[in-house]
Amino acid sequence: MRVTLEQSGGFAGLMITKTIDTQNLSPSEAKELEEMVQSSSFFQLTSVMEAFPQPDRFGYVLTVEMDGRTHSIEMSETNMPESVRSIVKWVQARSR
């Protein structure tokens, strides 16, 4: 499984891309990430989560490639589902 997080916006307007491949993780970390993706029903979530634009807020595109499927979700920090927020935080913490 591969998870890619694109973050844009914020005060500086930077674009940051982080990718995690479970082949490069320990078995326990890979299992933890896979369980978060499964429990969030990620592949059933809508591709674009509409939100009112707000200055200096972050926007995200989260893409998961798993078992031959690829799904991306575009969202902002204000309308991100909690189940997806945990995946975003996990990726951010492990790709520094």
PDB file of N, CA and C in Angstrom:
ATOM      1  N   MET A   1       0.850  -1.174   0.000  1.00  0.00           N
ATOM      2  CA  MET A   1       0.000   0.000   0.000  1.00  0.00           C
ATOM      3  C   MET A   1       0.892   1.232   0.000  1.00  0.00           C
ATOM      4  N   ARG A   2       0.448   2.233  -0.735  1.00  0.00           N
ATOM      5  CA  ARG A   2       1.161   3.513  -0.769  1.00  0.00           C
ATOM      6  C   ARG A   2       0.163   4.620  -0.435  1.00  0.00           C
ATOM      7  N   VAL A   3       0.578   5.523   0.449  1.00  0.00           N
ATOM      8  CA  VAL A   3      -0.245   6.662   0.848  1.00  0.00           C
ATOM      9  C   VAL A   3       0.538   7.931   0.531  1.00  0.00           C
ATOM     10  N   THR A   4      -0.092   8.833  -0.223  1.00  0.00           N
ATOM     11  CA  THR A   4       0.534  10.108  -0.566  1.00  0.00           C
ATOM     12  C   THR A   4      -0.324  11.236  -0.030  1.00  0.00           C
ATOM     13  N   LEU A   5       0.308  12.163   0.658  1.00  0.00           N
ATOM     14  CA  LEU A   5      -0.366  13.325   1.223  1.00  0.00           C
ATOM     15  C   LEU A   5       0.220  14.579   0.599  1.00  0.00           C
ATOM     16  N   GLU A   6      -0.631  15.367  -0.042  1.00  0.00           N
ATOM     17  CA  GLU A   6      -0.231  16.660  -0.584  1.00  0.00           C
ATOM     18  C   GLU A   6      -0.879  17.732   0.279  1.00  0.00           C
ATOM     19  N   GLN A   7      -0.072  18.640   0.788  1.00  0.00           N
ATOM     20  CA  GLN A   7      -0.568  19.734   1.624  1.00  0.00           C
ATOM     21  C   GLN A   7      -0.221  21.042   0.939  1.00  0.00           C
ATOM     22  N   SER A   8      -1.212  21.918   0.819  1.00  0.00           N
ATOM     23  CA  SER A   8      -0.971  23.220   0.200  1.00  0.00           C
ATOM     24  C   SER A   8      -1.646  24.300   1.029  1.00  0.00           C
ATOM     25  N   GLY A   9      -1.253  25.543   0.746  1.00  0.00           N
ATOM     26  CA  GLY A   9      -1.873  26.668   1.434  1.00  0.00           C
ATOM     27  C   GLY A   9      -1.118  27.071   2.672  1.00  0.00           C
ATOM     28  N   GLY A  10      -1.874  27.525   3.661  1.00  0.00           N
ATOM     29  CA  GLY A  10      -1.248  28.054   4.859  1.00  0.00           C
ATOM     30  C   GLY A  10      -0.728  29.452   4.599  1.00  0.00           C
ATOM     31  N   PHE A  11      -0.116  30.032   5.580  1.00  0.00           N
ATOM     32  CA  PHE A  11       0.375  31.405   5.477  1.00  0.00           C
ATOM     33  C   PHE A  11       1.389  31.564   4.344  1.00  0.00           C
ATOM     34  N   ALA A  12       2.303  30.602   4.209  1.00  0.00           N
ATOM     35  CA  ALA A  12       3.359  30.700   3.189  1.00  0.00           C
ATOM     36  C   ALA A  12       2.922  30.178   1.826  1.00  0.00           C
ATOM     37  N   GLY A  13       1.818  29.442   1.778  1.00  0.00           N
ATOM     38  CA  GLY A  13       1.321  28.922   0.511  1.00  0.00           C
ATOM     39  C   GLY A  13       2.185  27.834  -0.103  1.00  0.00           C
ATOM     40  N   LEU A  14       2.919  27.111   0.708  1.00  0.00           N
ATOM     41  CA  LEU A  14       3.809  26.069   0.211  1.00  0.00           C
ATOM     42  C   LEU A  14       3.050  24.805  -0.157  1.00  0.00           C
ATOM     43  N   MET A  15       3.611  24.034  -1.093  1.00  0.00           N
ATOM     44  CA  MET A  15       3.090  22.716  -1.444  1.00  0.00           C
ATOM     45  C   MET A  15       4.083  21.687  -0.918  1.00  0.00           C
ATOM     46  N   ILE A  16       3.597  20.776  -0.086  1.00  0.00           N
ATOM     47  CA  ILE A  16       4.435  19.736   0.503  1.00  0.00           C
ATOM     48  C   ILE A  16       3.811  18.390   0.168  1.00  0.00           C
ATOM     49  N   THR A  17       4.616  17.469  -0.337  1.00  0.00           N
ATOM     50  CA  THR A  17       4.143  16.129  -0.664  1.00  0.00           C
ATOM     51  C   THR A  17       4.931  15.114   0.148  1.00  0.00           C
ATOM     52  N   LYS A  18       4.191  14.197   0.785  1.00  0.00           N
ATOM     53  CA  LYS A  18       4.807  13.143   1.586  1.00  0.00           C
ATOM     54  C   LYS A  18       4.218  11.815   1.139  1.00  0.00           C
ATOM     55  N   THR A  19       5.070  10.814   0.953  1.00  0.00           N
ATOM     56  CA  THR A  19       4.612   9.497   0.527  1.00  0.00           C
ATOM     57  C   THR A  19       5.139   8.441   1.483  1.00  0.00           C
ATOM     58  N   ILE A  20       4.252   7.531   1.859  1.00  0.00           N
ATOM     59  CA  ILE A  20       4.614   6.406   2.714  1.00  0.00           C
ATOM     60  C   ILE A  20       4.264   5.129   1.951  1.00  0.00           C
ATOM     61  N   ASP A  21       5.222   4.233   1.844  1.00  0.00           N
ATOM     62  CA  ASP A  21       4.999   2.923   1.235  1.00  0.00           C
ATOM     63  C   ASP A  21       5.129   1.891   2.350  1.00  0.00           C
ATOM     64  N   THR A  22       4.111   1.067   2.525  1.00  0.00           N
ATOM     65  CA  THR A  22       4.130   0.110   3.634  1.00  0.00           C
ATOM     66  C   THR A  22       5.263  -0.907   3.505  1.00  0.00           C
ATOM     67  N   GLN A  23       5.817  -1.076   2.313  1.00  0.00           N
ATOM     68  CA  GLN A  23       6.960  -1.983   2.153  1.00  0.00           C
ATOM     69  C   GLN A  23       8.187  -1.459   2.888  1.00  0.00           C
ATOM     70  N   ASN A  24       8.208  -0.159   3.155  1.00  0.00           N
ATOM     71  CA  ASN A  24       9.344   0.454   3.845  1.00  0.00           C
ATOM     72  C   ASN A  24       9.097   0.638   5.340  1.00  0.00           C
ATOM     73  N   LEU A  25       7.997   0.101   5.843  1.00  0.00           N
ATOM     74  CA  LEU A  25       7.643   0.231   7.258  1.00  0.00           C
ATOM     75  C   LEU A  25       7.875  -1.088   7.982  1.00  0.00           C
ATOM     76  N   SER A  26       7.921  -1.015   9.287  1.00  0.00           N
ATOM     77  CA  SER A  26       7.950  -2.247  10.076  1.00  0.00           C
ATOM     78  C   SER A  26       6.589  -2.926   9.927  1.00  0.00           C
ATOM     79  N   PRO A  27       6.510  -4.238  10.152  1.00  0.00           N
ATOM     80  CA  PRO A  27       5.215  -4.919  10.038  1.00  0.00           C
ATOM     81  C   PRO A  27       4.134  -4.304  10.932  1.00  0.00           C
ATOM     82  N   SER A  28       4.501  -3.877  12.132  1.00  0.00           N
ATOM     83  CA  SER A  28       3.487  -3.307  13.032  1.00  0.00           C
ATOM     84  C   SER A  28       3.000  -1.944  12.532  1.00  0.00           C
ATOM     85  N   GLU A  29       3.917  -1.123  11.987  1.00  0.00           N
ATOM     86  CA  GLU A  29       3.502   0.172  11.438  1.00  0.00           C
ATOM     87  C   GLU A  29       2.640  -0.013  10.194  1.00  0.00           C
ATOM     88  N   ALA A  30       3.021  -0.952   9.338  1.00  0.00           N
ATOM     89  CA  ALA A  30       2.239  -1.217   8.126  1.00  0.00           C
ATOM     90  C   ALA A  30       0.831  -1.670   8.495  1.00  0.00           C
ATOM     91  N   LYS A  31       0.729  -2.548   9.484  1.00  0.00           N
ATOM     92  CA  LYS A  31      -0.579  -3.032   9.926  1.00  0.00           C
ATOM     93  C   LYS A  31      -1.410  -1.892  10.504  1.00  0.00           C
ATOM     94  N   GLU A  32      -0.786  -1.035  11.292  1.00  0.00           N
ATOM     95  CA  GLU A  32      -1.490   0.102  11.896  1.00  0.00           C
ATOM     96  C   GLU A  32      -2.068   1.024  10.816  1.00  0.00           C
ATOM     97  N   LEU A  33      -1.268   1.347   9.811  1.00  0.00           N
ATOM     98  CA  LEU A  33      -1.735   2.223   8.738  1.00  0.00           C
ATOM     99  C   LEU A  33      -2.841   1.557   7.929  1.00  0.00           C
ATOM    100  N   GLU A  34      -2.671   0.290   7.583  1.00  0.00           N
ATOM    101  CA  GLU A  34      -3.695  -0.427   6.828  1.00  0.00           C
ATOM    102  C   GLU A  34      -5.011  -0.484   7.599  1.00  0.00           C
ATOM    103  N   GLU A  35      -4.947  -0.691   8.901  1.00  0.00           N
ATOM    104  CA  GLU A  35      -6.164  -0.731   9.719  1.00  0.00           C
ATOM    105  C   GLU A  35      -6.851   0.630   9.756  1.00  0.00           C
ATOM    106  N   MET A  36      -6.078   1.719   9.810  1.00  0.00           N
ATOM    107  CA  MET A  36      -6.682   3.058   9.795  1.00  0.00           C
ATOM    108  C   MET A  36      -7.405   3.310   8.474  1.00  0.00           C
ATOM    109  N   VAL A  37      -6.777   2.908   7.373  1.00  0.00           N
ATOM    110  CA  VAL A  37      -7.403   3.095   6.058  1.00  0.00           C
ATOM    111  C   VAL A  37      -8.682   2.267   5.969  1.00  0.00           C
ATOM    112  N   GLN A  38      -8.622   1.008   6.392  1.00  0.00           N
ATOM    113  CA  GLN A  38      -9.801   0.133   6.347  1.00  0.00           C
ATOM    114  C   GLN A  38     -10.935   0.679   7.223  1.00  0.00           C
ATOM    115  N   SER A  39     -10.616   1.064   8.452  1.00  0.00           N
ATOM    116  CA  SER A  39     -11.663   1.507   9.384  1.00  0.00           C
ATOM    117  C   SER A  39     -12.275   2.846   8.989  1.00  0.00           C
ATOM    118  N   SER A  40     -11.556   3.635   8.183  1.00  0.00           N
ATOM    119  CA  SER A  40     -12.104   4.919   7.738  1.00  0.00           C
ATOM    120  C   SER A  40     -13.041   4.766   6.547  1.00  0.00           C
ATOM    121  N   SER A  41     -13.138   3.546   5.998  1.00  0.00           N
ATOM    122  CA  SER A  41     -13.907   3.308   4.755  1.00  0.00           C
ATOM    123  C   SER A  41     -13.436   4.267   3.665  1.00  0.00           C
ATOM    124  N   PHE A  42     -12.127   4.442   3.576  1.00  0.00           N
ATOM    125  CA  PHE A  42     -11.519   5.443   2.703  1.00  0.00           C
ATOM    126  C   PHE A  42     -12.009   5.346   1.267  1.00  0.00           C
ATOM    127  N   PHE A  43     -12.092   4.149   0.732  1.00  0.00           N
ATOM    128  CA  PHE A  43     -12.454   3.986  -0.677  1.00  0.00           C
ATOM    129  C   PHE A  43     -13.931   4.277  -0.945  1.00  0.00           C
ATOM    130  N   GLN A  44     -14.734   4.423   0.091  1.00  0.00           N
ATOM    131  CA  GLN A  44     -16.135   4.789  -0.079  1.00  0.00           C
ATOM    132  C   GLN A  44     -16.382   6.290   0.107  1.00  0.00           C
ATOM    133  N   LEU A  45     -15.395   7.023   0.553  1.00  0.00           N
ATOM    134  CA  LEU A  45     -15.563   8.460   0.781  1.00  0.00           C
ATOM    135  C   LEU A  45     -15.573   9.223  -0.540  1.00  0.00           C
ATOM    136  N   THR A  46     -16.289  10.337  -0.560  1.00  0.00           N
ATOM    137  CA  THR A  46     -16.364  11.173  -1.752  1.00  0.00           C
ATOM    138  C   THR A  46     -14.995  11.757  -2.088  1.00  0.00           C
ATOM    139  N   SER A  47     -14.761  11.996  -3.371  1.00  0.00           N
ATOM    140  CA  SER A  47     -13.445  12.464  -3.828  1.00  0.00           C
ATOM    141  C   SER A  47     -13.166  13.921  -3.486  1.00  0.00           C
ATOM    142  N   VAL A  48     -14.208  14.729  -3.428  1.00  0.00           N
ATOM    143  CA  VAL A  48     -14.031  16.153  -3.114  1.00  0.00           C
ATOM    144  C   VAL A  48     -14.977  16.504  -1.982  1.00  0.00           C
ATOM    145  N   MET A  49     -14.432  17.056  -0.921  1.00  0.00           N
ATOM    146  CA  MET A  49     -15.234  17.507   0.211  1.00  0.00           C
ATOM    147  C   MET A  49     -15.248  19.023   0.176  1.00  0.00           C
ATOM    148  N   GLU A  50     -16.376  19.559  -0.230  1.00  0.00           N
ATOM    149  CA  GLU A  50     -16.514  21.008  -0.418  1.00  0.00           C
ATOM    150  C   GLU A  50     -16.380  21.747   0.910  1.00  0.00           C
ATOM    151  N   ALA A  51     -15.745  22.902   0.843  1.00  0.00           N
ATOM    152  CA  ALA A  51     -15.614  23.775   2.015  1.00  0.00           C
ATOM    153  C   ALA A  51     -15.513  25.208   1.533  1.00  0.00           C
ATOM    154  N   PHE A  52     -15.954  26.130   2.371  1.00  0.00           N
ATOM    155  CA  PHE A  52     -15.808  27.542   2.039  1.00  0.00           C
ATOM    156  C   PHE A  52     -14.335  27.919   2.132  1.00  0.00           C
ATOM    157  N   PRO A  53     -13.816  28.641   1.145  1.00  0.00           N
ATOM    158  CA  PRO A  53     -12.408  29.048   1.208  1.00  0.00           C
ATOM    159  C   PRO A  53     -12.151  29.964   2.404  1.00  0.00           C
ATOM    160  N   GLN A  54     -11.048  29.730   3.064  1.00  0.00           N
ATOM    161  CA  GLN A  54     -10.646  30.552   4.201  1.00  0.00           C
ATOM    162  C   GLN A  54      -9.165  30.865   4.055  1.00  0.00           C
ATOM    163  N   PRO A  55      -8.784  32.118   4.248  1.00  0.00           N
ATOM    164  CA  PRO A  55      -7.373  32.475   4.095  1.00  0.00           C
ATOM    165  C   PRO A  55      -6.484  31.733   5.087  1.00  0.00           C
ATOM    166  N   ASP A  56      -5.301  31.396   4.621  1.00  0.00           N
ATOM    167  CA  ASP A  56      -4.253  30.784   5.441  1.00  0.00           C
ATOM    168  C   ASP A  56      -4.606  29.401   5.979  1.00  0.00           C
ATOM    169  N   ARG A  57      -5.615  28.763   5.433  1.00  0.00           N
ATOM    170  CA  ARG A  57      -5.959  27.392   5.828  1.00  0.00           C
ATOM    171  C   ARG A  57      -5.239  26.415   4.906  1.00  0.00           C
ATOM    172  N   PHE A  58      -5.026  25.218   5.405  1.00  0.00           N
ATOM    173  CA  PHE A  58      -4.390  24.189   4.596  1.00  0.00           C
ATOM    174  C   PHE A  58      -5.427  23.410   3.803  1.00  0.00           C
ATOM    175  N   GLY A  59      -5.043  23.027   2.604  1.00  0.00           N
ATOM    176  CA  GLY A  59      -5.817  22.111   1.786  1.00  0.00           C
ATOM    177  C   GLY A  59      -5.011  20.832   1.623  1.00  0.00           C
ATOM    178  N   TYR A  60      -5.705  19.713   1.474  1.00  0.00           N
ATOM    179  CA  TYR A  60      -5.036  18.418   1.394  1.00  0.00           C
ATOM    180  C   TYR A  60      -5.614  17.586   0.264  1.00  0.00           C
ATOM    181  N   VAL A  61      -4.761  16.769  -0.333  1.00  0.00           N
ATOM    182  CA  VAL A  61      -5.187  15.678  -1.198  1.00  0.00           C
ATOM    183  C   VAL A  61      -4.514  14.432  -0.630  1.00  0.00           C
ATOM    184  N   LEU A  62      -5.332  13.470  -0.231  1.00  0.00           N
ATOM    185  CA  LEU A  62      -4.826  12.216   0.318  1.00  0.00           C
ATOM    186  C   LEU A  62      -5.145  11.118  -0.683  1.00  0.00           C
ATOM    187  N   THR A  63      -4.124  10.410  -1.132  1.00  0.00           N
ATOM    188  CA  THR A  63      -4.286   9.344  -2.120  1.00  0.00           C
ATOM    189  C   THR A  63      -3.802   8.034  -1.524  1.00  0.00           C
ATOM    190  N   VAL A  64      -4.627   6.995  -1.671  1.00  0.00           N
ATOM    191  CA  VAL A  64      -4.259   5.662  -1.201  1.00  0.00           C
ATOM    192  C   VAL A  64      -4.288   4.711  -2.388  1.00  0.00           C
ATOM    193  N   GLU A  65      -3.190   3.984  -2.565  1.00  0.00           N
ATOM    194  CA  GLU A  65      -3.090   2.921  -3.566  1.00  0.00           C
ATOM    195  C   GLU A  65      -3.002   1.610  -2.797  1.00  0.00           C
ATOM    196  N   MET A  66      -4.002   0.734  -3.013  1.00  0.00           N
ATOM    197  CA  MET A  66      -4.070  -0.493  -2.220  1.00  0.00           C
ATOM    198  C   MET A  66      -4.796  -1.573  -3.006  1.00  0.00           C
ATOM    199  N   ASP A  67      -4.209  -2.738  -3.100  1.00  0.00           N
ATOM    200  CA  ASP A  67      -4.825  -3.887  -3.763  1.00  0.00           C
ATOM    201  C   ASP A  67      -5.318  -3.554  -5.169  1.00  0.00           C
ATOM    202  N   GLY A  68      -4.521  -2.819  -5.932  1.00  0.00           N
ATOM    203  CA  GLY A  68      -4.879  -2.485  -7.306  1.00  0.00           C
ATOM    204  C   GLY A  68      -5.881  -1.355  -7.447  1.00  0.00           C
ATOM    205  N   ARG A  69      -6.283  -0.751  -6.352  1.00  0.00           N
ATOM    206  CA  ARG A  69      -7.222   0.375  -6.389  1.00  0.00           C
ATOM    207  C   ARG A  69      -6.497   1.641  -5.981  1.00  0.00           C
ATOM    208  N   THR A  70      -6.949   2.761  -6.544  1.00  0.00           N
ATOM    209  CA  THR A  70      -6.424   4.073  -6.165  1.00  0.00           C
ATOM    210  C   THR A  70      -7.601   5.000  -5.928  1.00  0.00           C
ATOM    211  N   HIS A  71      -7.551   5.732  -4.820  1.00  0.00           N
ATOM    212  CA  HIS A  71      -8.614   6.686  -4.508  1.00  0.00           C
ATOM    213  C   HIS A  71      -7.978   7.913  -3.872  1.00  0.00           C
ATOM    214  N   SER A  72      -8.449   9.089  -4.274  1.00  0.00           N
ATOM    215  CA  SER A  72      -7.957  10.354  -3.722  1.00  0.00           C
ATOM    216  C   SER A  72      -9.110  11.147  -3.139  1.00  0.00           C
ATOM    217  N   ILE A  73      -8.819  11.861  -2.075  1.00  0.00           N
ATOM    218  CA  ILE A  73      -9.795  12.745  -1.444  1.00  0.00           C
ATOM    219  C   ILE A  73      -9.178  14.132  -1.341  1.00  0.00           C
ATOM    220  N   GLU A  74      -9.903  15.127  -1.826  1.00  0.00           N
ATOM    221  CA  GLU A  74      -9.481  16.521  -1.717  1.00  0.00           C
ATOM    222  C   GLU A  74     -10.318  17.174  -0.629  1.00  0.00           C
ATOM    223  N   MET A  75      -9.661  17.810   0.342  1.00  0.00           N
ATOM    224  CA  MET A  75     -10.381  18.387   1.479  1.00  0.00           C
ATOM    225  C   MET A  75      -9.565  19.515   2.080  1.00  0.00           C
ATOM    226  N   SER A  76     -10.190  20.234   2.998  1.00  0.00           N
ATOM    227  CA  SER A  76      -9.472  21.274   3.734  1.00  0.00           C
ATOM    228  C   SER A  76      -9.352  20.831   5.187  1.00  0.00           C
ATOM    229  N   GLU A  77      -8.571  21.564   5.941  1.00  0.00           N
ATOM    230  CA  GLU A  77      -8.425  21.212   7.353  1.00  0.00           C
ATOM    231  C   GLU A  77      -9.727  21.419   8.122  1.00  0.00           C
ATOM    232  N   THR A  78     -10.651  22.207   7.577  1.00  0.00           N
ATOM    233  CA  THR A  78     -11.901  22.486   8.288  1.00  0.00           C
ATOM    234  C   THR A  78     -12.989  21.447   8.041  1.00  0.00           C
ATOM    235  N   ASN A  79     -12.886  20.667   6.962  1.00  0.00           N
ATOM    236  CA  ASN A  79     -13.949  19.699   6.684  1.00  0.00           C
ATOM    237  C   ASN A  79     -13.427  18.266   6.598  1.00  0.00           C
ATOM    238  N   MET A  80     -12.267  18.026   7.167  1.00  0.00           N
ATOM    239  CA  MET A  80     -11.660  16.704   7.126  1.00  0.00           C
ATOM    240  C   MET A  80     -12.337  15.779   8.139  1.00  0.00           C
ATOM    241  N   PRO A  81     -12.841  14.622   7.693  1.00  0.00           N
ATOM    242  CA  PRO A  81     -13.436  13.676   8.644  1.00  0.00           C
ATOM    243  C   PRO A  81     -12.389  13.207   9.663  1.00  0.00           C
ATOM    244  N   GLU A  82     -12.814  12.957  10.881  1.00  0.00           N
ATOM    245  CA  GLU A  82     -11.886  12.545  11.939  1.00  0.00           C
ATOM    246  C   GLU A  82     -11.143  11.264  11.576  1.00  0.00           C
ATOM    247  N   SER A  83     -11.825  10.328  10.906  1.00  0.00           N
ATOM    248  CA  SER A  83     -11.162   9.073  10.537  1.00  0.00           C
ATOM    249  C   SER A  83     -10.030   9.322   9.548  1.00  0.00           C
ATOM    250  N   VAL A  84     -10.180  10.316   8.691  1.00  0.00           N
ATOM    251  CA  VAL A  84      -9.137  10.670   7.725  1.00  0.00           C
ATOM    252  C   VAL A  84      -8.068  11.526   8.406  1.00  0.00           C
ATOM    253  N   ARG A  85      -8.475  12.369   9.330  1.00  0.00           N
ATOM    254  CA  ARG A  85      -7.521  13.212  10.060  1.00  0.00           C
ATOM    255  C   ARG A  85      -6.463  12.347  10.762  1.00  0.00           C
ATOM    256  N   SER A  86      -6.882  11.210  11.292  1.00  0.00           N
ATOM    257  CA  SER A  86      -5.911  10.340  11.966  1.00  0.00           C
ATOM    258  C   SER A  86      -4.884   9.792  10.978  1.00  0.00           C
ATOM    259  N   ILE A  87      -5.294   9.501   9.747  1.00  0.00           N
ATOM    260  CA  ILE A  87      -4.356   9.042   8.719  1.00  0.00           C
ATOM    261  C   ILE A  87      -3.396  10.170   8.352  1.00  0.00           C
ATOM    262  N   VAL A  88      -3.935  11.373   8.164  1.00  0.00           N
ATOM    263  CA  VAL A  88      -3.107  12.535   7.805  1.00  0.00           C
ATOM    264  C   VAL A  88      -2.053  12.782   8.883  1.00  0.00           C
ATOM    265  N   LYS A  89      -2.460  12.784  10.140  1.00  0.00           N
ATOM    266  CA  LYS A  89      -1.512  13.017  11.237  1.00  0.00           C
ATOM    267  C   LYS A  89      -0.454  11.920  11.297  1.00  0.00           C
ATOM    268  N   TRP A  90      -0.866  10.684  11.055  1.00  0.00           N
ATOM    269  CA  TRP A  90       0.055   9.550  11.079  1.00  0.00           C
ATOM    270  C   TRP A  90       1.117   9.714  10.002  1.00  0.00           C
ATOM    271  N   VAL A  91       0.693  10.044   8.781  1.00  0.00           N
ATOM    272  CA  VAL A  91       1.631  10.237   7.666  1.00  0.00           C
ATOM    273  C   VAL A  91       2.567  11.406   7.962  1.00  0.00           C
ATOM    274  N   GLN A  92       2.020  12.508   8.454  1.00  0.00           N
ATOM    275  CA  GLN A  92       2.856  13.672   8.770  1.00  0.00           C
ATOM    276  C   GLN A  92       3.911  13.330   9.819  1.00  0.00           C
ATOM    277  N   ALA A  93       3.535  12.579  10.827  1.00  0.00           N
ATOM    278  CA  ALA A  93       4.456  12.254  11.918  1.00  0.00           C
ATOM    279  C   ALA A  93       5.583  11.325  11.481  1.00  0.00           C
ATOM    280  N   ARG A  94       5.324  10.471  10.503  1.00  0.00           N
ATOM    281  CA  ARG A  94       6.321   9.477  10.116  1.00  0.00           C
ATOM    282  C   ARG A  94       7.125   9.839   8.885  1.00  0.00           C
ATOM    283  N   SER A  95       6.843  10.974   8.301  1.00  0.00           N
ATOM    284  CA  SER A  95       7.565  11.324   7.074  1.00  0.00           C
ATOM    285  C   SER A  95       8.361  12.610   7.236  1.00  0.00           C
ATOM    286  N   ARG A  96       8.741  12.935   8.438  1.00  0.00           N
ATOM    287  CA  ARG A  96       9.526  14.157   8.674  1.00  0.00           C
ATOM    288  C   ARG A  96      10.979  13.909   8.446  1.00  0.00           C
TER     289      ARG A  96
END
